[in-house]
C-alpha atoms as a PDB file:
ATOM      1  CA  MET A   1      12.384  18.065  16.055  1.00  0.00           C
ATOM      2  CA  SER A   2      13.392  17.357  19.632  1.00  0.00           C
ATOM      3  CA  ASN A   3      16.031  14.754  20.425  1.00  0.00           C
ATOM      4  CA  PHE A   4      13.323  12.573  21.875  1.00  0.00           C
ATOM      5  CA  ALA A   5      11.224  12.854  18.721  1.00  0.00           C
ATOM      6  CA  LYS A   6      14.258  11.815  16.672  1.00  0.00           C
ATOM      7  CA  VAL A   7      14.772   8.807  18.920  1.00  0.00           C
ATOM      8  CA  SER A   8      11.050   8.010  18.682  1.00  0.00           C
ATOM      9  CA  THR A   9      11.203   8.126  14.896  1.00  0.00           C
ATOM     10  CA  CYS A  10      14.244   5.842  14.799  1.00  0.00           C
ATOM     11  CA  LEU A  11      12.469   3.418  17.082  1.00  0.00           C
ATOM     12  CA  LEU A  12       9.459   3.214  14.834  1.00  0.00           C
ATOM     13  CA  ILE A  13      11.659   2.545  11.822  1.00  0.00           C
ATOM     14  CA  THR A  14      13.346  -0.234  13.784  1.00  0.00           C
ATOM     15  CA  MET A  15       9.976  -1.638  14.813  1.00  0.00           C
ATOM     16  CA  MET A  16       8.875  -1.975  11.238  1.00  0.00           C
ATOM     17  CA  ALA A  17      12.031  -3.838  10.307  1.00  0.00           C
ATOM     18  CA  THR A  18      11.821  -6.494  13.016  1.00  0.00           C
ATOM     19  CA  PRO A  19       9.652  -9.624  13.375  1.00  0.00           C
ATOM     20  CA  ALA A  20       6.374  -9.399  15.263  1.00  0.00           C
ATOM     21  CA  LEU A  21       6.183  -9.862  19.022  1.00  0.00           C
ATOM     22  CA  ALA A  22       3.074 -10.003  21.180  1.00  0.00           C
ATOM     23  CA  SER A  23       2.026  -6.363  21.554  1.00  0.00           C
ATOM     24  CA  ASP A  24       0.468  -3.725  19.301  1.00  0.00           C
ATOM     25  CA  TRP A  25       2.391  -0.464  19.347  1.00  0.00           C
ATOM     26  CA  MET A  26      -0.329   1.545  17.642  1.00  0.00           C
ATOM     27  CA  GLN A  27      -2.872   0.539  20.252  1.00  0.00           C
ATOM     28  CA  GLN A  28      -0.382   1.352  23.000  1.00  0.00           C
ATOM     29  CA  ALA A  29       0.277   4.711  21.365  1.00  0.00           C
ATOM     30  CA  ASN A  30      -3.444   5.403  21.406  1.00  0.00           C
ATOM     31  CA  ASP A  31      -3.596   4.381  25.097  1.00  0.00           C
ATOM     32  CA  MET A  32      -0.763   6.771  25.826  1.00  0.00           C
ATOM     33  CA  MET A  33      -2.460   9.620  24.008  1.00  0.00           C
ATOM     34  CA  GLY A  34      -5.635   8.989  25.945  1.00  0.00           C
ATOM     35  CA  SER A  35      -3.736   9.271  29.198  1.00  0.00           C
ATOM     36  CA  PHE A  36      -2.351  12.771  28.562  1.00  0.00           C
ATOM     37  CA  GLY A  37      -3.626  15.387  30.987  1.00  0.00           C
ATOM     38  CA  SER A  38      -4.660  12.877  33.628  1.00  0.00           C
ATOM     39  CA  SER A  39      -4.600  14.374  37.128  1.00  0.00           C
ATOM     40  CA  SER A  40      -4.653  11.041  38.899  1.00  0.00           C
ATOM     41  CA  LYS A  41      -2.234  10.763  41.814  1.00  0.00           C
ATOM     42  CA  LYS A  42      -2.193   6.992  41.676  1.00  0.00           C
ATOM     43  CA  THR A  43       1.054   5.155  41.239  1.00  0.00           C
ATOM     44  CA  ALA A  44       1.929   5.432  37.573  1.00  0.00           C
ATOM     45  CA  SER A  45       1.836   2.290  35.491  1.00  0.00           C
ATOM     46  CA  PRO A  46       4.575   1.731  32.910  1.00  0.00           C
ATOM     47  CA  VAL A  47       2.199   2.876  30.168  1.00  0.00           C
ATOM     48  CA  SER A  48       1.208   6.075  31.992  1.00  0.00           C
ATOM     49  CA  THR A  49       4.886   6.689  32.754  1.00  0.00           C
ATOM     50  CA  ALA A  50       5.594   6.369  29.039  1.00  0.00           C
ATOM     51  CA  ALA A  51       2.731   8.713  28.258  1.00  0.00           C
ATOM     52  CA  SER A  52       4.154  11.326  30.574  1.00  0.00           C
ATOM     53  CA  ALA A  53       7.413  11.211  28.649  1.00  0.00           C
ATOM     54  CA  LEU A  54       5.870  11.304  25.169  1.00  0.00           C
ATOM     55  CA  SER A  55       3.929  14.199  23.684  1.00  0.00           C
ATOM     56  CA  SER A  56       1.077  13.645  21.235  1.00  0.00           C
ATOM     57  CA  SER A  57       3.142  15.419  18.581  1.00  0.00           C
ATOM     58  CA  ASP A  58       5.957  12.909  19.137  1.00  0.00           C
ATOM     59  CA  MET A  59       3.583   9.996  18.677  1.00  0.00           C
ATOM     60  CA  ILE A  60       1.959  11.531  15.584  1.00  0.00           C
ATOM     61  CA  ALA A  61       5.375  12.247  14.086  1.00  0.00           C
ATOM     62  CA  GLY A  62       6.303   8.628  14.721  1.00  0.00           C
ATOM     63  CA  LEU A  63       3.062   7.379  13.154  1.00  0.00           C
ATOM     64  CA  LYS A  64       3.595   9.499  10.069  1.00  0.00           C
ATOM     65  CA  ASP A  65       7.163   8.300   9.708  1.00  0.00           C
ATOM     66  CA  ALA A  66       6.113   4.677  10.098  1.00  0.00           C
ATOM     67  CA  LEU A  67       3.430   5.102   7.424  1.00  0.00           C
ATOM     68  CA  ARG A  68       5.866   6.900   5.145  1.00  0.00           C
ATOM     69  CA  ILE A  69       8.370   4.051   5.396  1.00  0.00           C
ATOM     70  CA  GLY A  70       5.616   1.486   4.845  1.00  0.00           C
ATOM     71  CA  SER A  71       4.275   3.268   1.769  1.00  0.00           C
ATOM     72  CA  GLU A  72       7.756   3.640   0.302  1.00  0.00           C
ATOM     73  CA  ARG A  73       8.281  -0.094   0.730  1.00  0.00           C
ATOM     74  CA  VAL A  74       5.062  -0.762  -1.170  1.00  0.00           C
ATOM     75  CA  VAL A  75       6.065   1.478  -4.064  1.00  0.00           C
ATOM     76  CA  SER A  76       9.567  -0.005  -4.168  1.00  0.00           C
ATOM     77  CA  LYS A  77       8.192  -3.551  -4.147  1.00  0.00           C
ATOM     78  CA  LEU A  78       5.615  -3.047  -6.906  1.00  0.00           C
ATOM     79  CA  GLY A  79       7.206  -0.378  -9.071  1.00  0.00           C
ATOM     80  CA  LYS A  80       9.737  -2.653 -10.735  1.00  0.00           C
ATOM     81  CA  ALA A  81       9.831  -5.503 -13.225  1.00  0.00           C
ATOM     82  CA  ASP A  82       7.596  -8.362 -12.060  1.00  0.00           C
ATOM     83  CA  GLY A  83       6.282  -6.327  -9.118  1.00  0.00           C
ATOM     84  CA  PHE A  84       2.807  -7.165 -10.383  1.00  0.00           C
ATOM     85  CA  ASN A  85       3.410  -9.815 -13.004  1.00  0.00           C
ATOM     86  CA  ALA A  86       5.194 -12.351 -10.789  1.00  0.00           C
ATOM     87  CA  ASP A  87       3.057 -11.808  -7.694  1.00  0.00           C
ATOM     88  CA  PRO A  88      -0.041 -14.047  -7.634  1.00  0.00           C
ATOM     89  CA  ALA A  89      -1.652 -11.865  -4.979  1.00  0.00           C
ATOM     90  CA  ILE A  90      -1.874  -8.819  -7.253  1.00  0.00           C
ATOM     91  CA  HIS A  91      -1.122 -10.107 -10.768  1.00  0.00           C
ATOM     92  CA  ILE A  92      -3.466  -8.443 -13.261  1.00  0.00           C
ATOM     93  CA  PRO A  93      -5.183 -11.112 -15.381  1.00  0.00           C
ATOM     94  CA  LEU A  94      -6.852 -10.480 -18.695  1.00  0.00           C
ATOM     95  CA  PRO A  95     -10.191  -8.696 -18.375  1.00  0.00           C
ATOM     96  CA  ASP A  96     -13.222 -10.953 -18.245  1.00  0.00           C
ATOM     97  CA  GLN A  97     -14.207  -9.726 -21.707  1.00  0.00           C
ATOM     98  CA  LEU A  98     -11.024 -11.248 -23.124  1.00  0.00           C
ATOM     99  CA  LYS A  99     -11.197 -14.621 -21.425  1.00  0.00           C
ATOM    100  CA  GLN A 100     -13.242 -16.092 -24.231  1.00  0.00           C
ATOM    101  CA  VAL A 101     -10.715 -14.629 -26.645  1.00  0.00           C
ATOM    102  CA  LYS A 102      -7.916 -16.404 -24.797  1.00  0.00           C
ATOM    103  CA  SER A 103      -9.803 -19.675 -24.884  1.00  0.00           C
ATOM    104  CA  ALA A 104     -10.589 -19.336 -28.574  1.00  0.00           C
ATOM    105  CA  LEU A 105      -7.019 -18.483 -29.566  1.00  0.00           C
ATOM    106  CA  ALA A 106      -5.576 -21.207 -27.343  1.00  0.00           C
ATOM    107  CA  SER A 107      -7.744 -23.719 -29.184  1.00  0.00           C
ATOM    108  CA  ILE A 108      -5.933 -22.909 -32.419  1.00  0.00           C
ATOM    109  CA  GLY A 109      -2.468 -22.802 -30.862  1.00  0.00           C
ATOM    110  CA  MET A 110      -2.218 -19.032 -30.578  1.00  0.00           C
ATOM    111  CA  GLY A 111      -2.569 -18.621 -26.826  1.00  0.00           C
ATOM    112  CA  SER A 112       0.794 -16.852 -26.729  1.00  0.00           C
ATOM    113  CA  LEU A 113      -0.873 -13.745 -28.115  1.00  0.00           C
ATOM    114  CA  THR A 114      -3.048 -13.311 -25.043  1.00  0.00           C
ATOM    115  CA  ASP A 115      -0.218 -14.350 -22.725  1.00  0.00           C
ATOM    116  CA  ASP A 116       1.891 -11.547 -24.192  1.00  0.00           C
ATOM    117  CA  LEU A 117      -0.929  -9.051 -23.755  1.00  0.00           C
ATOM    118  CA  GLU A 118      -1.400 -10.086 -20.114  1.00  0.00           C
ATOM    119  CA  LEU A 119       2.313  -9.582 -19.435  1.00  0.00           C
ATOM    120  CA  LYS A 120       2.227  -6.131 -20.967  1.00  0.00           C
ATOM    121  CA  LEU A 121      -0.758  -5.066 -18.860  1.00  0.00           C
ATOM    122  CA  ASN A 122       1.243  -5.911 -15.737  1.00  0.00           C
ATOM    123  CA  ARG A 123       4.291  -4.092 -17.078  1.00  0.00           C
ATOM    124  CA  ALA A 124       2.165  -0.962 -17.501  1.00  0.00           C
ATOM    125  CA  ALA A 125       0.999  -1.157 -13.866  1.00  0.00           C
ATOM    126  CA  GLU A 126       4.593  -1.578 -12.709  1.00  0.00           C
ATOM    127  CA  ALA A 127       5.655   1.489 -14.702  1.00  0.00           C
ATOM    128  CA  ALA A 128       2.878   3.632 -13.176  1.00  0.00           C
ATOM    129  CA  THR A 129       3.303   2.601  -9.532  1.00  0.00           C
ATOM    130  CA  PRO A 130       6.184   5.016  -8.701  1.00  0.00           C
ATOM    131  CA  LYS A 131       3.648   7.851  -9.090  1.00  0.00           C
ATOM    132  CA  ALA A 132       2.157   6.666  -5.808  1.00  0.00           C
ATOM    133  CA  LYS A 133       5.198   7.687  -3.767  1.00  0.00           C
ATOM    134  CA  ARG A 134       4.560  11.432  -3.979  1.00  0.00           C
ATOM    135  CA  ILE A 135       0.819  11.038  -3.435  1.00  0.00           C
ATOM    136  CA  PHE A 136       1.376   8.862  -0.370  1.00  0.00           C
ATOM    137  CA  GLY A 137       3.735  11.556   0.893  1.00  0.00           C
ATOM    138  CA  ASN A 138       1.137  14.273   0.377  1.00  0.00           C
ATOM    139  CA  ALA A 139      -1.537  12.272   2.195  1.00  0.00           C
ATOM    140  CA  ILE A 140       0.814  11.698   5.132  1.00  0.00           C
ATOM    141  CA  ARG A 141       1.973  15.321   5.321  1.00  0.00           C
ATOM    142  CA  ASN A 142      -1.639  16.534   5.241  1.00  0.00           C
ATOM    143  CA  MET A 143      -2.692  14.141   8.000  1.00  0.00           C
ATOM    144  CA  LYS A 144      -4.270  16.061  10.862  1.00  0.00           C
ATOM    145  CA  LEU A 145      -4.201  15.189  14.548  1.00  0.00           C
ATOM    146  CA  THR A 146      -7.813  13.989  14.324  1.00  0.00           C
ATOM    147  CA  ASP A 147      -6.914  11.736  11.375  1.00  0.00           C
ATOM    148  CA  ALA A 148      -3.987  10.251  13.276  1.00  0.00           C
ATOM    149  CA  LYS A 149      -6.108   9.586  16.354  1.00  0.00           C
ATOM    150  CA  LYS A 150      -8.713   7.819  14.201  1.00  0.00           C
ATOM    151  CA  ILE A 151      -5.974   5.648  12.722  1.00  0.00           C
ATOM    152  CA  LEU A 152      -4.475   4.840  16.124  1.00  0.00           C
ATOM    153  CA  SER A 153      -7.831   3.961  17.661  1.00  0.00           C
ATOM    154  CA  GLY A 154      -9.560   2.643  14.547  1.00  0.00           C
ATOM    155  CA  PRO A 155      -9.871  -0.782  12.933  1.00  0.00           C
ATOM    156  CA  LYS A 156      -6.857  -2.734  11.727  1.00  0.00           C
ATOM    157  CA  ASP A 157      -7.064  -1.218   8.245  1.00  0.00           C
ATOM    158  CA  ALA A 158      -7.790   2.361   9.337  1.00  0.00           C
ATOM    159  CA  ALA A 159      -4.619   3.774   7.764  1.00  0.00           C
ATOM    160  CA  THR A 160      -5.229   1.916   4.511  1.00  0.00           C
ATOM    161  CA  GLN A 161      -8.787   3.235   4.364  1.00  0.00           C
ATOM    162  CA  TYR A 162      -7.470   6.738   5.063  1.00  0.00           C
ATOM    163  CA  PHE A 163      -5.089   6.429   2.120  1.00  0.00           C
ATOM    164  CA  LYS A 164      -7.815   5.041  -0.145  1.00  0.00           C
ATOM    165  CA  GLY A 165     -10.046   7.987   0.636  1.00  0.00           C
ATOM    166  CA  LYS A 166      -7.318  10.561   0.094  1.00  0.00           C
ATOM    167  CA  MET A 167      -5.413   8.953  -2.773  1.00  0.00           C
ATOM    168  CA  SER A 168      -7.665   6.946  -5.079  1.00  0.00           C
ATOM    169  CA  GLY A 169      -8.818   9.855  -7.245  1.00  0.00           C
ATOM    170  CA  PRO A 170      -5.510  11.745  -7.501  1.00  0.00           C
ATOM    171  CA  LEU A 171      -3.504   8.556  -7.972  1.00  0.00           C
ATOM    172  CA  ALA A 172      -5.787   7.280 -10.728  1.00  0.00           C
ATOM    173  CA  ARG A 173      -5.394  10.596 -12.566  1.00  0.00           C
ATOM    174  CA  GLU A 174      -1.608  10.488 -12.182  1.00  0.00           C
ATOM    175  CA  MET A 175      -1.397   6.874 -13.304  1.00  0.00           C
ATOM    176  CA  ARG A 176      -3.556   7.236 -16.420  1.00  0.00           C
ATOM    177  CA  PRO A 177      -1.081   8.994 -18.739  1.00  0.00           C
ATOM    178  CA  VAL A 178       1.773   6.835 -17.460  1.00  0.00           C
ATOM    179  CA  ILE A 179      -0.198   3.663 -18.121  1.00  0.00           C
ATOM    180  CA  GLU A 180      -1.290   4.861 -21.549  1.00  0.00           C
ATOM    181  CA  LYS A 181       2.308   5.668 -22.436  1.00  0.00           C
ATOM    182  CA  ALA A 182       3.635   2.444 -20.921  1.00  0.00           C
ATOM    183  CA  MET A 183       1.066   0.329 -22.741  1.00  0.00           C
ATOM    184  CA  SER A 184       2.166   1.922 -25.980  1.00  0.00           C
ATOM    185  CA  GLU A 185       5.875   1.563 -25.237  1.00  0.00           C
ATOM    186  CA  VAL A 186       5.724  -2.049 -24.086  1.00  0.00           C
ATOM    187  CA  GLY A 187       3.510  -2.937 -27.022  1.00  0.00           C
ATOM    188  CA  ALA A 188       0.288  -3.623 -25.147  1.00  0.00           C
ATOM    189  CA  VAL A 189      -1.778  -1.642 -27.641  1.00  0.00           C
ATOM    190  CA  ASN A 190      -0.292  -3.497 -30.590  1.00  0.00           C
ATOM    191  CA  ALA A 191      -0.647  -6.783 -28.742  1.00  0.00           C
ATOM    192  CA  TYR A 192      -4.313  -6.033 -28.074  1.00  0.00           C
ATOM    193  CA  ASP A 193      -4.926  -5.121 -31.706  1.00  0.00           C
ATOM    194  CA  ALA A 194      -3.245  -8.343 -32.821  1.00  0.00           C
ATOM    195  CA  VAL A 195      -5.310 -10.391 -30.392  1.00  0.00           C
ATOM    196  CA  VAL A 196      -8.617  -8.850 -31.442  1.00  0.00           C
ATOM    197  CA  LYS A 197      -7.760  -9.012 -35.151  1.00  0.00           C
ATOM    198  CA  LYS A 198      -6.917 -12.690 -34.936  1.00  0.00           C
ATOM    199  CA  TYR A 199      -9.936 -13.382 -32.754  1.00  0.00           C
ATOM    200  CA  GLN A 200     -12.315 -11.621 -35.120  1.00  0.00           C
ATOM    201  CA  SER A 201     -11.015 -13.720 -37.990  1.00  0.00           C
ATOM    202  CA  LEU A 202     -12.502 -16.776 -36.315  1.00  0.00           C
ATOM    203  CA  PRO A 203     -16.038 -17.656 -37.457  1.00  0.00           C
ATOM    204  CA  PHE A 204     -19.070 -16.856 -35.285  1.00  0.00           C
ATOM    205  CA  MET A 205     -17.165 -14.975 -32.610  1.00  0.00           C
ATOM    206  CA  PRO A 206     -18.897 -12.053 -30.835  1.00  0.00           C
ATOM    207  CA  ASP A 207     -17.436  -8.546 -30.610  1.00  0.00           C
ATOM    208  CA  VAL A 208     -15.078  -7.935 -27.708  1.00  0.00           C
ATOM    209  CA  LYS A 209     -14.513  -4.550 -26.102  1.00  0.00           C
ATOM    210  CA  ALA A 210     -12.294  -3.769 -23.116  1.00  0.00           C
ATOM    211  CA  ASN A 211     -11.140  -0.479 -21.600  1.00  0.00           C
ATOM    212  CA  LEU A 212      -7.639  -1.655 -20.945  1.00  0.00           C
ATOM    213  CA  THR A 213      -6.341   1.625 -19.517  1.00  0.00           C
ATOM    214  CA  GLN A 214      -9.017   1.867 -16.824  1.00  0.00           C
ATOM    215  CA  TYR A 215      -8.675  -1.845 -16.174  1.00  0.00           C
ATOM    216  CA  VAL A 216      -4.934  -1.512 -15.493  1.00  0.00           C
ATOM    217  CA  ILE A 217      -5.526   1.576 -13.314  1.00  0.00           C
ATOM    218  CA  ASP A 218      -8.043  -0.357 -11.205  1.00  0.00           C
ATOM    219  CA  GLY A 219      -5.698  -3.345 -10.953  1.00  0.00           C
ATOM    220  CA  GLY A 220      -2.772  -1.103 -10.055  1.00  0.00           C
ATOM    221  CA  LEU A 221      -4.692   0.651  -7.285  1.00  0.00           C
ATOM    222  CA  ALA A 222      -5.918  -2.680  -5.924  1.00  0.00           C
ATOM    223  CA  GLY A 223      -2.354  -4.006  -5.769  1.00  0.00           C
ATOM    224  CA  ILE A 224      -0.968  -0.887  -4.092  1.00  0.00           C
ATOM    225  CA  PHE A 225      -3.637  -0.842  -1.375  1.00  0.00           C
ATOM    226  CA  HIS A 226      -3.391  -4.608  -0.907  1.00  0.00           C
ATOM    227  CA  TYR A 227       0.229  -4.236   0.129  1.00  0.00           C
ATOM    228  CA  MET A 228      -0.409  -1.039   2.078  1.00  0.00           C
ATOM    229  CA  ALA A 229      -2.794  -3.105   4.195  1.00  0.00           C
ATOM    230  CA  THR A 230      -0.022  -5.672   4.653  1.00  0.00           C
ATOM    231  CA  GLU A 231       2.392  -2.946   5.750  1.00  0.00           C
ATOM    232  CA  GLU A 232      -0.186  -1.504   8.121  1.00  0.00           C
ATOM    233  CA  ALA A 233      -0.642  -4.908   9.742  1.00  0.00           C
ATOM    234  CA  ALA A 234       3.133  -5.104  10.221  1.00  0.00           C
ATOM    235  CA  ILE A 235       3.205  -1.620  11.752  1.00  0.00           C
ATOM    236  CA  ARG A 236       0.450  -2.522  14.192  1.00  0.00           C
ATOM    237  CA  ASN A 237       1.990  -5.821  15.279  1.00  0.00           C
ATOM    238  CA  ASN A 238       5.728  -5.274  15.124  1.00  0.00           C
ATOM    239  CA  PRO A 239       7.257  -4.036  18.410  1.00  0.00           C
ATOM    240  CA  ALA A 240      11.043  -3.969  18.582  1.00  0.00           C
ATOM    241  CA  LYS A 241      13.084  -6.817  20.014  1.00  0.00           C
ATOM    242  CA  ARG A 242      15.627  -4.601  21.734  1.00  0.00           C
ATOM    243  CA  THR A 243      15.430  -3.907  25.464  1.00  0.00           C
ATOM    244  CA  THR A 244      16.713  -0.345  25.649  1.00  0.00           C
ATOM    245  CA  ASP A 245      15.368   2.006  28.306  1.00  0.00           C
ATOM    246  CA  ILE A 246      13.172   3.842  25.837  1.00  0.00           C
ATOM    247  CA  LEU A 247      11.665   0.610  24.537  1.00  0.00           C
ATOM    248  CA  LYS A 248      10.987  -0.520  28.060  1.00  0.00           C
ATOM    249  CA  LYS A 249       9.219   2.754  28.721  1.00  0.00           C
ATOM    250  CA  VAL A 250       6.997   2.413  25.641  1.00  0.00           C
ATOM    251  CA  PHE A 251       6.327  -1.322  25.686  1.00  0.00           C
ATOM    252  CA  ALA A 252       6.722  -2.425  29.318  1.00  0.00           C
ATOM    253  CA  ALA A 253       2.998  -2.533  30.119  1.00  0.00           C
ATOM    254  CA  ARG A 254       0.421  -4.705  28.394  1.00  0.00           C
END
């Protein structure tokens, strides 16, 4: 990697770590890429001057690095105790099929059984989330120039949608055995059996069936992509505060 590319990468990491200012670096990157090869003899604007100094490969390398850092933050945030359980935005509730169970058991003072099961479902999602790191990395490494351009010029969630398309199937397959094992280790299976057994002992209660493994997989994927969208928004709206020469070159023009 050229010295400039290294500097570009460092800049993008810095951008992601600083509060948002008024511009959108991804849109500016796309503007720069669109200006490559221009034969105009007009006085160069700051953006076109920046474009002349940056190659498309530099910008794509920077985009990939920014997305890598963002995805690693997501995995680090969610793949730990209470990453899902204590976060109301992505907390995995009991499946709809078990809500009547919760109500019925709560009415006889045994609501703690379903509370314990709900906790364990979230613990299973937390245990499986680290699997996403490698799959994010693969999706980023396999990103082509055309993919990157679509992300740079696309809607605000273009990168998230790219990851969903590339990752959902492989990630679900990777998460399944981890979730099954985690649910067994944290006692979710036993907790579920206890809940259903107690529930079925109540008179006139209908049968309840729930595919807990698939339910946790779906909830885990939803949480991961929810925060990837948050990271993408930060990437798109987070230019650096510093006023170095290179930042001036990239962000001077609006």
